[in-house]
Amino acid sequence: MINITDKTIWVVSGNVRFTNTPEGLLLVDFQRNMYCDLALLAAAVWLLIEWTPAGITVKEIVDLLETAAPLPRRILETETCISGITGPKRVRPETTVARVRG
């Protein structure tokens, strides 16, 4: 079981922009020249973090998701902590990401 009583505050990097995709969100960090695809639940986690500029704990995220998602709390805890991220990727020089706005 994941310990979500940690008081670590999560915040969004000011360098990251996002756009909606059919599967969730696409995050782009232009400074690091990287992007990351987020599945639907991970996208919800990202938006909760983004909408809380002062920061938010994992427990607070799970509490909010629990009111909206018809999933057992232990699944929400696990998925929140692993974020469902497919992994950051480097943007190839020929790839354009100009359509992304945040």
PDB file of N, CA and C in Angstrom:
ATOM      1  N   MET A   1       0.839  -1.181   0.000  1.00  0.00           N
ATOM      2  CA  MET A   1       0.000   0.000   0.000  1.00  0.00           C
ATOM      3  C   MET A   1       0.884   1.244   0.000  1.00  0.00           C
ATOM      4  N   ILE A   2       0.493   2.221  -0.756  1.00  0.00           N
ATOM      5  CA  ILE A   2       1.245   3.468  -0.867  1.00  0.00           C
ATOM      6  C   ILE A   2       0.894   4.372   0.303  1.00  0.00           C
ATOM      7  N   ASN A   3       1.912   4.975   0.905  1.00  0.00           N
ATOM      8  CA  ASN A   3       1.703   5.919   2.002  1.00  0.00           C
ATOM      9  C   ASN A   3       1.458   7.297   1.414  1.00  0.00           C
ATOM     10  N   ILE A   4       0.225   7.781   1.485  1.00  0.00           N
ATOM     11  CA  ILE A   4      -0.084   9.083   0.903  1.00  0.00           C
ATOM     12  C   ILE A   4      -0.233  10.158   1.971  1.00  0.00           C
ATOM     13  N   THR A   5       0.284   9.910   3.163  1.00  0.00           N
ATOM     14  CA  THR A   5       0.212  10.941   4.199  1.00  0.00           C
ATOM     15  C   THR A   5       1.373  11.919   4.096  1.00  0.00           C
ATOM     16  N   ASP A   6       2.266  11.701   3.144  1.00  0.00           N
ATOM     17  CA  ASP A   6       3.403  12.586   2.931  1.00  0.00           C
ATOM     18  C   ASP A   6       2.910  14.020   2.696  1.00  0.00           C
ATOM     19  N   LYS A   7       3.601  14.975   3.250  1.00  0.00           N
ATOM     20  CA  LYS A   7       3.211  16.382   3.120  1.00  0.00           C
ATOM     21  C   LYS A   7       3.882  17.072   1.936  1.00  0.00           C
ATOM     22  N   THR A   8       4.493  16.305   1.043  1.00  0.00           N
ATOM     23  CA  THR A   8       5.125  16.881  -0.139  1.00  0.00           C
ATOM     24  C   THR A   8       4.079  17.598  -0.981  1.00  0.00           C
ATOM     25  N   ILE A   9       4.409  18.810  -1.384  1.00  0.00           N
ATOM     26  CA  ILE A   9       3.500  19.610  -2.205  1.00  0.00           C
ATOM     27  C   ILE A   9       3.939  19.500  -3.662  1.00  0.00           C
ATOM     28  N   TRP A  10       2.998  19.174  -4.526  1.00  0.00           N
ATOM     29  CA  TRP A  10       3.274  19.101  -5.952  1.00  0.00           C
ATOM     30  C   TRP A  10       2.868  20.420  -6.599  1.00  0.00           C
ATOM     31  N   VAL A  11       3.698  20.939  -7.481  1.00  0.00           N
ATOM     32  CA  VAL A  11       3.391  22.149  -8.243  1.00  0.00           C
ATOM     33  C   VAL A  11       3.779  21.924  -9.700  1.00  0.00           C
ATOM     34  N   VAL A  12       3.212  22.731 -10.577  1.00  0.00           N
ATOM     35  CA  VAL A  12       3.471  22.635 -12.008  1.00  0.00           C
ATOM     36  C   VAL A  12       4.643  23.540 -12.366  1.00  0.00           C
ATOM     37  N   SER A  13       5.528  23.041 -13.198  1.00  0.00           N
ATOM     38  CA  SER A  13       6.629  23.856 -13.713  1.00  0.00           C
ATOM     39  C   SER A  13       6.077  24.920 -14.647  1.00  0.00           C
ATOM     40  N   GLY A  14       6.582  26.124 -14.514  1.00  0.00           N
ATOM     41  CA  GLY A  14       6.148  27.217 -15.378  1.00  0.00           C
ATOM     42  C   GLY A  14       6.577  27.053 -16.825  1.00  0.00           C
ATOM     43  N   ASN A  15       7.501  26.133 -17.088  1.00  0.00           N
ATOM     44  CA  ASN A  15       7.998  25.923 -18.452  1.00  0.00           C
ATOM     45  C   ASN A  15       7.130  24.973 -19.258  1.00  0.00           C
ATOM     46  N   VAL A  16       6.207  24.288 -18.618  1.00  0.00           N
ATOM     47  CA  VAL A  16       5.431  23.244 -19.290  1.00  0.00           C
ATOM     48  C   VAL A  16       4.108  23.812 -19.800  1.00  0.00           C
ATOM     49  N   ARG A  17       3.799  23.480 -21.035  1.00  0.00           N
ATOM     50  CA  ARG A  17       2.520  23.833 -21.654  1.00  0.00           C
ATOM     51  C   ARG A  17       1.787  22.535 -21.969  1.00  0.00           C
ATOM     52  N   PHE A  18       0.469  22.616 -22.139  1.00  0.00           N
ATOM     53  CA  PHE A  18      -0.287  21.402 -22.426  1.00  0.00           C
ATOM     54  C   PHE A  18      -1.383  21.658 -23.440  1.00  0.00           C
ATOM     55  N   THR A  19      -1.828  20.565 -24.037  1.00  0.00           N
ATOM     56  CA  THR A  19      -2.975  20.591 -24.934  1.00  0.00           C
ATOM     57  C   THR A  19      -3.747  19.289 -24.740  1.00  0.00           C
ATOM     58  N   ASN A  20      -5.046  19.346 -25.019  1.00  0.00           N
ATOM     59  CA  ASN A  20      -5.887  18.155 -24.926  1.00  0.00           C
ATOM     60  C   ASN A  20      -5.593  17.202 -26.079  1.00  0.00           C
ATOM     61  N   THR A  21      -5.707  15.905 -25.787  1.00  0.00           N
ATOM     62  CA  THR A  21      -5.634  14.873 -26.815  1.00  0.00           C
ATOM     63  C   THR A  21      -6.836  13.959 -26.598  1.00  0.00           C
ATOM     64  N   PRO A  22      -7.168  13.093 -27.546  1.00  0.00           N
ATOM     65  CA  PRO A  22      -8.283  12.171 -27.331  1.00  0.00           C
ATOM     66  C   PRO A  22      -8.064  11.250 -26.119  1.00  0.00           C
ATOM     67  N   GLU A  23      -6.804  10.960 -25.795  1.00  0.00           N
ATOM     68  CA  GLU A  23      -6.486  10.051 -24.692  1.00  0.00           C
ATOM     69  C   GLU A  23      -6.290  10.762 -23.358  1.00  0.00           C
ATOM     70  N   GLY A  24      -6.096  12.085 -23.355  1.00  0.00           N
ATOM     71  CA  GLY A  24      -5.823  12.825 -22.118  1.00  0.00           C
ATOM     72  C   GLY A  24      -5.189  14.160 -22.407  1.00  0.00           C
ATOM     73  N   LEU A  25      -3.895  14.304 -22.079  1.00  0.00           N
ATOM     74  CA  LEU A  25      -3.165  15.551 -22.308  1.00  0.00           C
ATOM     75  C   LEU A  25      -1.792  15.262 -22.897  1.00  0.00           C
ATOM     76  N   LEU A  26      -1.282  16.235 -23.621  1.00  0.00           N
ATOM     77  CA  LEU A  26       0.095  16.215 -24.082  1.00  0.00           C
ATOM     78  C   LEU A  26       0.792  17.378 -23.388  1.00  0.00           C
ATOM     79  N   LEU A  27       1.842  17.081 -22.613  1.00  0.00           N
ATOM     80  CA  LEU A  27       2.638  18.107 -21.948  1.00  0.00           C
ATOM     81  C   LEU A  27       3.878  18.363 -22.782  1.00  0.00           C
ATOM     82  N   VAL A  28       4.255  19.631 -22.924  1.00  0.00           N
ATOM     83  CA  VAL A  28       5.450  19.983 -23.680  1.00  0.00           C
ATOM     84  C   VAL A  28       6.287  20.951 -22.850  1.00  0.00           C
ATOM     85  N   ASP A  29       7.562  20.627 -22.718  1.00  0.00           N
ATOM     86  CA  ASP A  29       8.525  21.502 -22.044  1.00  0.00           C
ATOM     87  C   ASP A  29       9.474  22.000 -23.129  1.00  0.00           C
ATOM     88  N   PHE A  30       9.283  23.236 -23.569  1.00  0.00           N
ATOM     89  CA  PHE A  30      10.075  23.781 -24.657  1.00  0.00           C
ATOM     90  C   PHE A  30      11.525  24.014 -24.248  1.00  0.00           C
ATOM     91  N   GLN A  31      11.767  24.347 -22.984  1.00  0.00           N
ATOM     92  CA  GLN A  31      13.141  24.571 -22.529  1.00  0.00           C
ATOM     93  C   GLN A  31      13.960  23.284 -22.564  1.00  0.00           C
ATOM     94  N   ARG A  32      13.363  22.190 -22.168  1.00  0.00           N
ATOM     95  CA  ARG A  32      14.065  20.905 -22.161  1.00  0.00           C
ATOM     96  C   ARG A  32      13.884  20.137 -23.454  1.00  0.00           C
ATOM     97  N   ASN A  33      13.035  20.675 -24.348  1.00  0.00           N
ATOM     98  CA  ASN A  33      12.780  20.029 -25.621  1.00  0.00           C
ATOM     99  C   ASN A  33      12.229  18.615 -25.426  1.00  0.00           C
ATOM    100  N   MET A  34      11.241  18.488 -24.520  1.00  0.00           N
ATOM    101  CA  MET A  34      10.653  17.188 -24.195  1.00  0.00           C
ATOM    102  C   MET A  34       9.132  17.291 -24.177  1.00  0.00           C
ATOM    103  N   TYR A  35       8.498  16.135 -24.356  1.00  0.00           N
ATOM    104  CA  TYR A  35       7.047  16.069 -24.217  1.00  0.00           C
ATOM    105  C   TYR A  35       6.658  14.779 -23.511  1.00  0.00           C
ATOM    106  N   CYS A  36       5.417  14.732 -23.032  1.00  0.00           N
ATOM    107  CA  CYS A  36       4.947  13.565 -22.313  1.00  0.00           C
ATOM    108  C   CYS A  36       3.444  13.411 -22.556  1.00  0.00           C
ATOM    109  N   ASP A  37       3.020  12.208 -22.891  1.00  0.00           N
ATOM    110  CA  ASP A  37       1.602  11.907 -23.052  1.00  0.00           C
ATOM    111  C   ASP A  37       1.033  11.478 -21.710  1.00  0.00           C
ATOM    112  N   LEU A  38      -0.127  12.009 -21.355  1.00  0.00           N
ATOM    113  CA  LEU A  38      -0.789  11.607 -20.118  1.00  0.00           C
ATOM    114  C   LEU A  38      -2.118  10.949 -20.448  1.00  0.00           C
ATOM    115  N   ALA A  39      -2.357   9.777 -19.883  1.00  0.00           N
ATOM    116  CA  ALA A  39      -3.653   9.110 -20.009  1.00  0.00           C
ATOM    117  C   ALA A  39      -4.688   9.922 -19.222  1.00  0.00           C
ATOM    118  N   LEU A  40      -5.939   9.561 -19.345  1.00  0.00           N
ATOM    119  CA  LEU A  40      -7.030  10.349 -18.781  1.00  0.00           C
ATOM    120  C   LEU A  40      -6.895  10.613 -17.282  1.00  0.00           C
ATOM    121  N   LEU A  41      -6.635   9.586 -16.481  1.00  0.00           N
ATOM    122  CA  LEU A  41      -6.530   9.787 -15.038  1.00  0.00           C
ATOM    123  C   LEU A  41      -5.307  10.639 -14.693  1.00  0.00           C
ATOM    124  N   ALA A  42      -4.186  10.387 -15.360  1.00  0.00           N
ATOM    125  CA  ALA A  42      -2.982  11.192 -15.132  1.00  0.00           C
ATOM    126  C   ALA A  42      -3.227  12.639 -15.555  1.00  0.00           C
ATOM    127  N   ALA A  43      -4.004  12.827 -16.611  1.00  0.00           N
ATOM    128  CA  ALA A  43      -4.351  14.183 -17.047  1.00  0.00           C
ATOM    129  C   ALA A  43      -5.165  14.899 -15.969  1.00  0.00           C
ATOM    130  N   ALA A  44      -6.083  14.179 -15.335  1.00  0.00           N
ATOM    131  CA  ALA A  44      -6.871  14.767 -14.246  1.00  0.00           C
ATOM    132  C   ALA A  44      -5.963  15.176 -13.090  1.00  0.00           C
ATOM    133  N   VAL A  45      -4.977  14.336 -12.777  1.00  0.00           N
ATOM    134  CA  VAL A  45      -4.016  14.661 -11.721  1.00  0.00           C
ATOM    135  C   VAL A  45      -3.260  15.925 -12.099  1.00  0.00           C
ATOM    136  N   TRP A  46      -2.771  16.000 -13.334  1.00  0.00           N
ATOM    137  CA  TRP A  46      -2.030  17.177 -13.792  1.00  0.00           C
ATOM    138  C   TRP A  46      -2.882  18.439 -13.667  1.00  0.00           C
ATOM    139  N   LEU A  47      -4.137  18.366 -14.105  1.00  0.00           N
ATOM    140  CA  LEU A  47      -5.001  19.543 -14.039  1.00  0.00           C
ATOM    141  C   LEU A  47      -5.247  19.977 -12.599  1.00  0.00           C
ATOM    142  N   LEU A  48      -5.433  19.025 -11.688  1.00  0.00           N
ATOM    143  CA  LEU A  48      -5.607  19.387 -10.279  1.00  0.00           C
ATOM    144  C   LEU A  48      -4.359  20.107  -9.746  1.00  0.00           C
ATOM    145  N   ILE A  49      -3.194  19.618 -10.145  1.00  0.00           N
ATOM    146  CA  ILE A  49      -1.951  20.268  -9.719  1.00  0.00           C
ATOM    147  C   ILE A  49      -1.867  21.666 -10.340  1.00  0.00           C
ATOM    148  N   GLU A  50      -2.202  21.769 -11.611  1.00  0.00           N
ATOM    149  CA  GLU A  50      -2.121  23.054 -12.305  1.00  0.00           C
ATOM    150  C   GLU A  50      -3.106  24.071 -11.744  1.00  0.00           C
ATOM    151  N   TRP A  51      -4.280  23.616 -11.360  1.00  0.00           N
ATOM    152  CA  TRP A  51      -5.305  24.514 -10.834  1.00  0.00           C
ATOM    153  C   TRP A  51      -5.061  24.912  -9.380  1.00  0.00           C
ATOM    154  N   THR A  52      -4.005  24.377  -8.783  1.00  0.00           N
ATOM    155  CA  THR A  52      -3.678  24.688  -7.385  1.00  0.00           C
ATOM    156  C   THR A  52      -2.277  25.307  -7.350  1.00  0.00           C
ATOM    157  N   PRO A  53      -2.155  26.594  -7.691  1.00  0.00           N
ATOM    158  CA  PRO A  53      -0.833  27.211  -7.816  1.00  0.00           C
ATOM    159  C   PRO A  53       0.000  27.169  -6.536  1.00  0.00           C
ATOM    160  N   ALA A  54      -0.631  27.111  -5.382  1.00  0.00           N
ATOM    161  CA  ALA A  54       0.111  27.050  -4.120  1.00  0.00           C
ATOM    162  C   ALA A  54       0.655  25.651  -3.853  1.00  0.00           C
ATOM    163  N   GLY A  55       0.218  24.667  -4.640  1.00  0.00           N
ATOM    164  CA  GLY A  55       0.661  23.287  -4.470  1.00  0.00           C
ATOM    165  C   GLY A  55      -0.434  22.424  -3.861  1.00  0.00           C
ATOM    166  N   ILE A  56      -0.303  21.111  -4.021  1.00  0.00           N
ATOM    167  CA  ILE A  56      -1.311  20.167  -3.552  1.00  0.00           C
ATOM    168  C   ILE A  56      -0.616  18.860  -3.180  1.00  0.00           C
ATOM    169  N   THR A  57      -1.100  18.202  -2.153  1.00  0.00           N
ATOM    170  CA  THR A  57      -0.512  16.925  -1.735  1.00  0.00           C
ATOM    171  C   THR A  57      -1.186  15.776  -2.476  1.00  0.00           C
ATOM    172  N   VAL A  58      -0.552  14.616  -2.456  1.00  0.00           N
ATOM    173  CA  VAL A  58      -1.135  13.423  -3.081  1.00  0.00           C
ATOM    174  C   VAL A  58      -2.466  13.096  -2.415  1.00  0.00           C
ATOM    175  N   LYS A  59      -2.518  13.199  -1.102  1.00  0.00           N
ATOM    176  CA  LYS A  59      -3.767  12.908  -0.385  1.00  0.00           C
ATOM    177  C   LYS A  59      -4.890  13.831  -0.847  1.00  0.00           C
ATOM    178  N   GLU A  60      -4.585  15.113  -1.014  1.00  0.00           N
ATOM    179  CA  GLU A  60      -5.607  16.059  -1.483  1.00  0.00           C
ATOM    180  C   GLU A  60      -6.062  15.727  -2.903  1.00  0.00           C
ATOM    181  N   ILE A  61      -5.124  15.325  -3.748  1.00  0.00           N
ATOM    182  CA  ILE A  61      -5.480  14.932  -5.119  1.00  0.00           C
ATOM    183  C   ILE A  61      -6.415  13.728  -5.095  1.00  0.00           C
ATOM    184  N   VAL A  62      -6.052  12.710  -4.319  1.00  0.00           N
ATOM    185  CA  VAL A  62      -6.876  11.492  -4.250  1.00  0.00           C
ATOM    186  C   VAL A  62      -8.250  11.821  -3.666  1.00  0.00           C
ATOM    187  N   ASP A  63      -8.311  12.661  -2.645  1.00  0.00           N
ATOM    188  CA  ASP A  63      -9.598  13.057  -2.068  1.00  0.00           C
ATOM    189  C   ASP A  63     -10.499  13.689  -3.137  1.00  0.00           C
ATOM    190  N   LEU A  64      -9.931  14.570  -3.963  1.00  0.00           N
ATOM    191  CA  LEU A  64     -10.715  15.216  -5.015  1.00  0.00           C
ATOM    192  C   LEU A  64     -11.115  14.239  -6.109  1.00  0.00           C
ATOM    193  N   LEU A  65     -10.196  13.372  -6.518  1.00  0.00           N
ATOM    194  CA  LEU A  65     -10.525  12.375  -7.551  1.00  0.00           C
ATOM    195  C   LEU A  65     -11.606  11.415  -7.083  1.00  0.00           C
ATOM    196  N   GLU A  66     -11.569  11.085  -5.803  1.00  0.00           N
ATOM    197  CA  GLU A  66     -12.529  10.121  -5.255  1.00  0.00           C
ATOM    198  C   GLU A  66     -13.967  10.616  -5.395  1.00  0.00           C
ATOM    199  N   THR A  67     -14.167  11.930  -5.384  1.00  0.00           N
ATOM    200  CA  THR A  67     -15.521  12.468  -5.530  1.00  0.00           C
ATOM    201  C   THR A  67     -16.018  12.400  -6.968  1.00  0.00           C
ATOM    202  N   ALA A  68     -15.088  12.269  -7.937  1.00  0.00           N
ATOM    203  CA  ALA A  68     -15.477  12.306  -9.344  1.00  0.00           C
ATOM    204  C   ALA A  68     -15.302  10.978 -10.077  1.00  0.00           C
ATOM    205  N   ALA A  69     -14.364  10.167  -9.642  1.00  0.00           N
ATOM    206  CA  ALA A  69     -14.052   8.934 -10.373  1.00  0.00           C
ATOM    207  C   ALA A  69     -14.663   7.716  -9.685  1.00  0.00           C
ATOM    208  N   PRO A  70     -15.362   6.881 -10.423  1.00  0.00           N
ATOM    209  CA  PRO A  70     -15.990   5.697  -9.824  1.00  0.00           C
ATOM    210  C   PRO A  70     -14.990   4.540  -9.682  1.00  0.00           C
ATOM    211  N   LEU A  71     -13.893   4.802  -8.975  1.00  0.00           N
ATOM    212  CA  LEU A  71     -12.846   3.803  -8.767  1.00  0.00           C
ATOM    213  C   LEU A  71     -12.562   3.660  -7.280  1.00  0.00           C
ATOM    214  N   PRO A  72     -12.133   2.468  -6.855  1.00  0.00           N
ATOM    215  CA  PRO A  72     -11.764   2.300  -5.446  1.00  0.00           C
ATOM    216  C   PRO A  72     -10.595   3.233  -5.082  1.00  0.00           C
ATOM    217  N   ARG A  73     -10.586   3.703  -3.845  1.00  0.00           N
ATOM    218  CA  ARG A  73      -9.569   4.646  -3.390  1.00  0.00           C
ATOM    219  C   ARG A  73      -8.154   4.099  -3.579  1.00  0.00           C
ATOM    220  N   ARG A  74      -7.938   2.821  -3.311  1.00  0.00           N
ATOM    221  CA  ARG A  74      -6.580   2.263  -3.437  1.00  0.00           C
ATOM    222  C   ARG A  74      -6.081   2.348  -4.868  1.00  0.00           C
ATOM    223  N   ILE A  75      -6.957   2.217  -5.851  1.00  0.00           N
ATOM    224  CA  ILE A  75      -6.563   2.358  -7.254  1.00  0.00           C
ATOM    225  C   ILE A  75      -6.224   3.814  -7.548  1.00  0.00           C
ATOM    226  N   LEU A  76      -7.030   4.732  -7.045  1.00  0.00           N
ATOM    227  CA  LEU A  76      -6.743   6.154  -7.239  1.00  0.00           C
ATOM    228  C   LEU A  76      -5.401   6.534  -6.617  1.00  0.00           C
ATOM    229  N   GLU A  77      -5.127   6.002  -5.430  1.00  0.00           N
ATOM    230  CA  GLU A  77      -3.842   6.283  -4.770  1.00  0.00           C
ATOM    231  C   GLU A  77      -2.679   5.797  -5.621  1.00  0.00           C
ATOM    232  N   THR A  78      -2.784   4.554  -6.097  1.00  0.00           N
ATOM    233  CA  THR A  78      -1.712   3.970  -6.905  1.00  0.00           C
ATOM    234  C   THR A  78      -1.534   4.732  -8.205  1.00  0.00           C
ATOM    235  N   GLU A  79      -2.618   4.971  -8.903  1.00  0.00           N
ATOM    236  CA  GLU A  79      -2.538   5.648 -10.197  1.00  0.00           C
ATOM    237  C   GLU A  79      -2.061   7.089 -10.052  1.00  0.00           C
ATOM    238  N   THR A  80      -2.426   7.744  -8.971  1.00  0.00           N
ATOM    239  CA  THR A  80      -1.962   9.113  -8.744  1.00  0.00           C
ATOM    240  C   THR A  80      -0.454   9.126  -8.543  1.00  0.00           C
ATOM    241  N   CYS A  81       0.042   8.177  -7.796  1.00  0.00           N
ATOM    242  CA  CYS A  81       1.482   8.157  -7.502  1.00  0.00           C
ATOM    243  C   CYS A  81       2.327   7.745  -8.696  1.00  0.00           C
ATOM    244  N   ILE A  82       1.803   6.889  -9.566  1.00  0.00           N
ATOM    245  CA  ILE A  82       2.592   6.530 -10.753  1.00  0.00           C
ATOM    246  C   ILE A  82       2.206   7.397 -11.940  1.00  0.00           C
ATOM    247  N   SER A  83       1.117   8.145 -11.815  1.00  0.00           N
ATOM    248  CA  SER A  83       0.666   9.152 -12.778  1.00  0.00           C
ATOM    249  C   SER A  83       0.236   8.631 -14.142  1.00  0.00           C
ATOM    250  N   GLY A  84       0.371   7.346 -14.414  1.00  0.00           N
ATOM    251  CA  GLY A  84      -0.050   6.843 -15.717  1.00  0.00           C
ATOM    252  C   GLY A  84       0.724   7.457 -16.870  1.00  0.00           C
ATOM    253  N   ILE A  85       1.911   7.998 -16.590  1.00  0.00           N
ATOM    254  CA  ILE A  85       2.704   8.666 -17.620  1.00  0.00           C
ATOM    255  C   ILE A  85       3.410   7.632 -18.487  1.00  0.00           C
ATOM    256  N   THR A  86       3.353   7.829 -19.785  1.00  0.00           N
ATOM    257  CA  THR A  86       4.040   6.916 -20.690  1.00  0.00           C
ATOM    258  C   THR A  86       5.536   7.201 -20.730  1.00  0.00           C
ATOM    259  N   GLY A  87       5.956   8.285 -20.152  1.00  0.00           N
ATOM    260  CA  GLY A  87       7.377   8.624 -20.095  1.00  0.00           C
ATOM    261  C   GLY A  87       7.707   9.818 -20.959  1.00  0.00           C
ATOM    262  N   PRO A  88       8.595  10.685 -20.460  1.00  0.00           N
ATOM    263  CA  PRO A  88       8.987  11.844 -21.260  1.00  0.00           C
ATOM    264  C   PRO A  88       9.792  11.415 -22.477  1.00  0.00           C
ATOM    265  N   LYS A  89       9.642  12.154 -23.539  1.00  0.00           N
ATOM    266  CA  LYS A  89      10.352  11.858 -24.784  1.00  0.00           C
ATOM    267  C   LYS A  89      11.006  13.137 -25.300  1.00  0.00           C
ATOM    268  N   ARG A  90      12.109  12.997 -25.977  1.00  0.00           N
ATOM    269  CA  ARG A  90      12.773  14.138 -26.620  1.00  0.00           C
ATOM    270  C   ARG A  90      12.029  14.477 -27.904  1.00  0.00           C
ATOM    271  N   VAL A  91      11.876  15.762 -28.166  1.00  0.00           N
ATOM    272  CA  VAL A  91      11.261  16.208 -29.409  1.00  0.00           C
ATOM    273  C   VAL A  91      12.323  16.159 -30.494  1.00  0.00           C
ATOM    274  N   ARG A  92      11.997  15.512 -31.593  1.00  0.00           N
ATOM    275  CA  ARG A  92      12.933  15.467 -32.720  1.00  0.00           C
ATOM    276  C   ARG A  92      12.946  16.826 -33.402  1.00  0.00           C
ATOM    277  N   PRO A  93      14.091  17.255 -33.931  1.00  0.00           N
ATOM    278  CA  PRO A  93      14.186  18.580 -34.553  1.00  0.00           C
ATOM    279  C   PRO A  93      13.128  18.837 -35.620  1.00  0.00           C
ATOM    280  N   GLU A  94      12.737  17.809 -36.366  1.00  0.00           N
ATOM    281  CA  GLU A  94      11.755  18.021 -37.428  1.00  0.00           C
ATOM    282  C   GLU A  94      10.319  18.032 -36.904  1.00  0.00           C
ATOM    283  N   THR A  95      10.116  17.724 -35.620  1.00  0.00           N
ATOM    284  CA  THR A  95       8.781  17.689 -35.039  1.00  0.00           C
ATOM    285  C   THR A  95       8.361  19.095 -34.656  1.00  0.00           C
ATOM    286  N   THR A  96       7.178  19.466 -35.045  1.00  0.00           N
ATOM    287  CA  THR A  96       6.667  20.786 -34.662  1.00  0.00           C
ATOM    288  C   THR A  96       5.613  20.620 -33.586  1.00  0.00           C
ATOM    289  N   VAL A  97       5.683  21.448 -32.580  1.00  0.00           N
ATOM    290  CA  VAL A  97       4.698  21.418 -31.511  1.00  0.00           C
ATOM    291  C   VAL A  97       4.076  22.797 -31.328  1.00  0.00           C
ATOM    292  N   ALA A  98       4.016  23.554 -32.400  1.00  0.00           N
ATOM    293  CA  ALA A  98       3.536  24.924 -32.338  1.00  0.00           C
ATOM    294  C   ALA A  98       2.063  25.017 -31.936  1.00  0.00           C
ATOM    295  N   ARG A  99       1.305  23.959 -32.110  1.00  0.00           N
ATOM    296  CA  ARG A  99      -0.118  24.017 -31.792  1.00  0.00           C
ATOM    297  C   ARG A  99      -0.379  23.932 -30.285  1.00  0.00           C
ATOM    298  N   VAL A 100       0.621  23.628 -29.502  1.00  0.00           N
ATOM    299  CA  VAL A 100       0.444  23.475 -28.060  1.00  0.00           C
ATOM    300  C   VAL A 100       0.411  24.836 -27.393  1.00  0.00           C
ATOM    301  N   ARG A 101      -0.596  25.062 -26.580  1.00  0.00           N
ATOM    302  CA  ARG A 101      -0.726  26.316 -25.844  1.00  0.00           C
ATOM    303  C   ARG A 101      -1.073  25.979 -24.405  1.00  0.00           C
ATOM    304  N   GLY A 102      -0.657  26.796 -23.464  1.00  0.00           N
ATOM    305  CA  GLY A 102      -0.954  26.529 -22.054  1.00  0.00           C
ATOM    306  C   GLY A 102      -1.334  27.742 -21.307  1.00  0.00           C
TER     307      GLY A 102
END
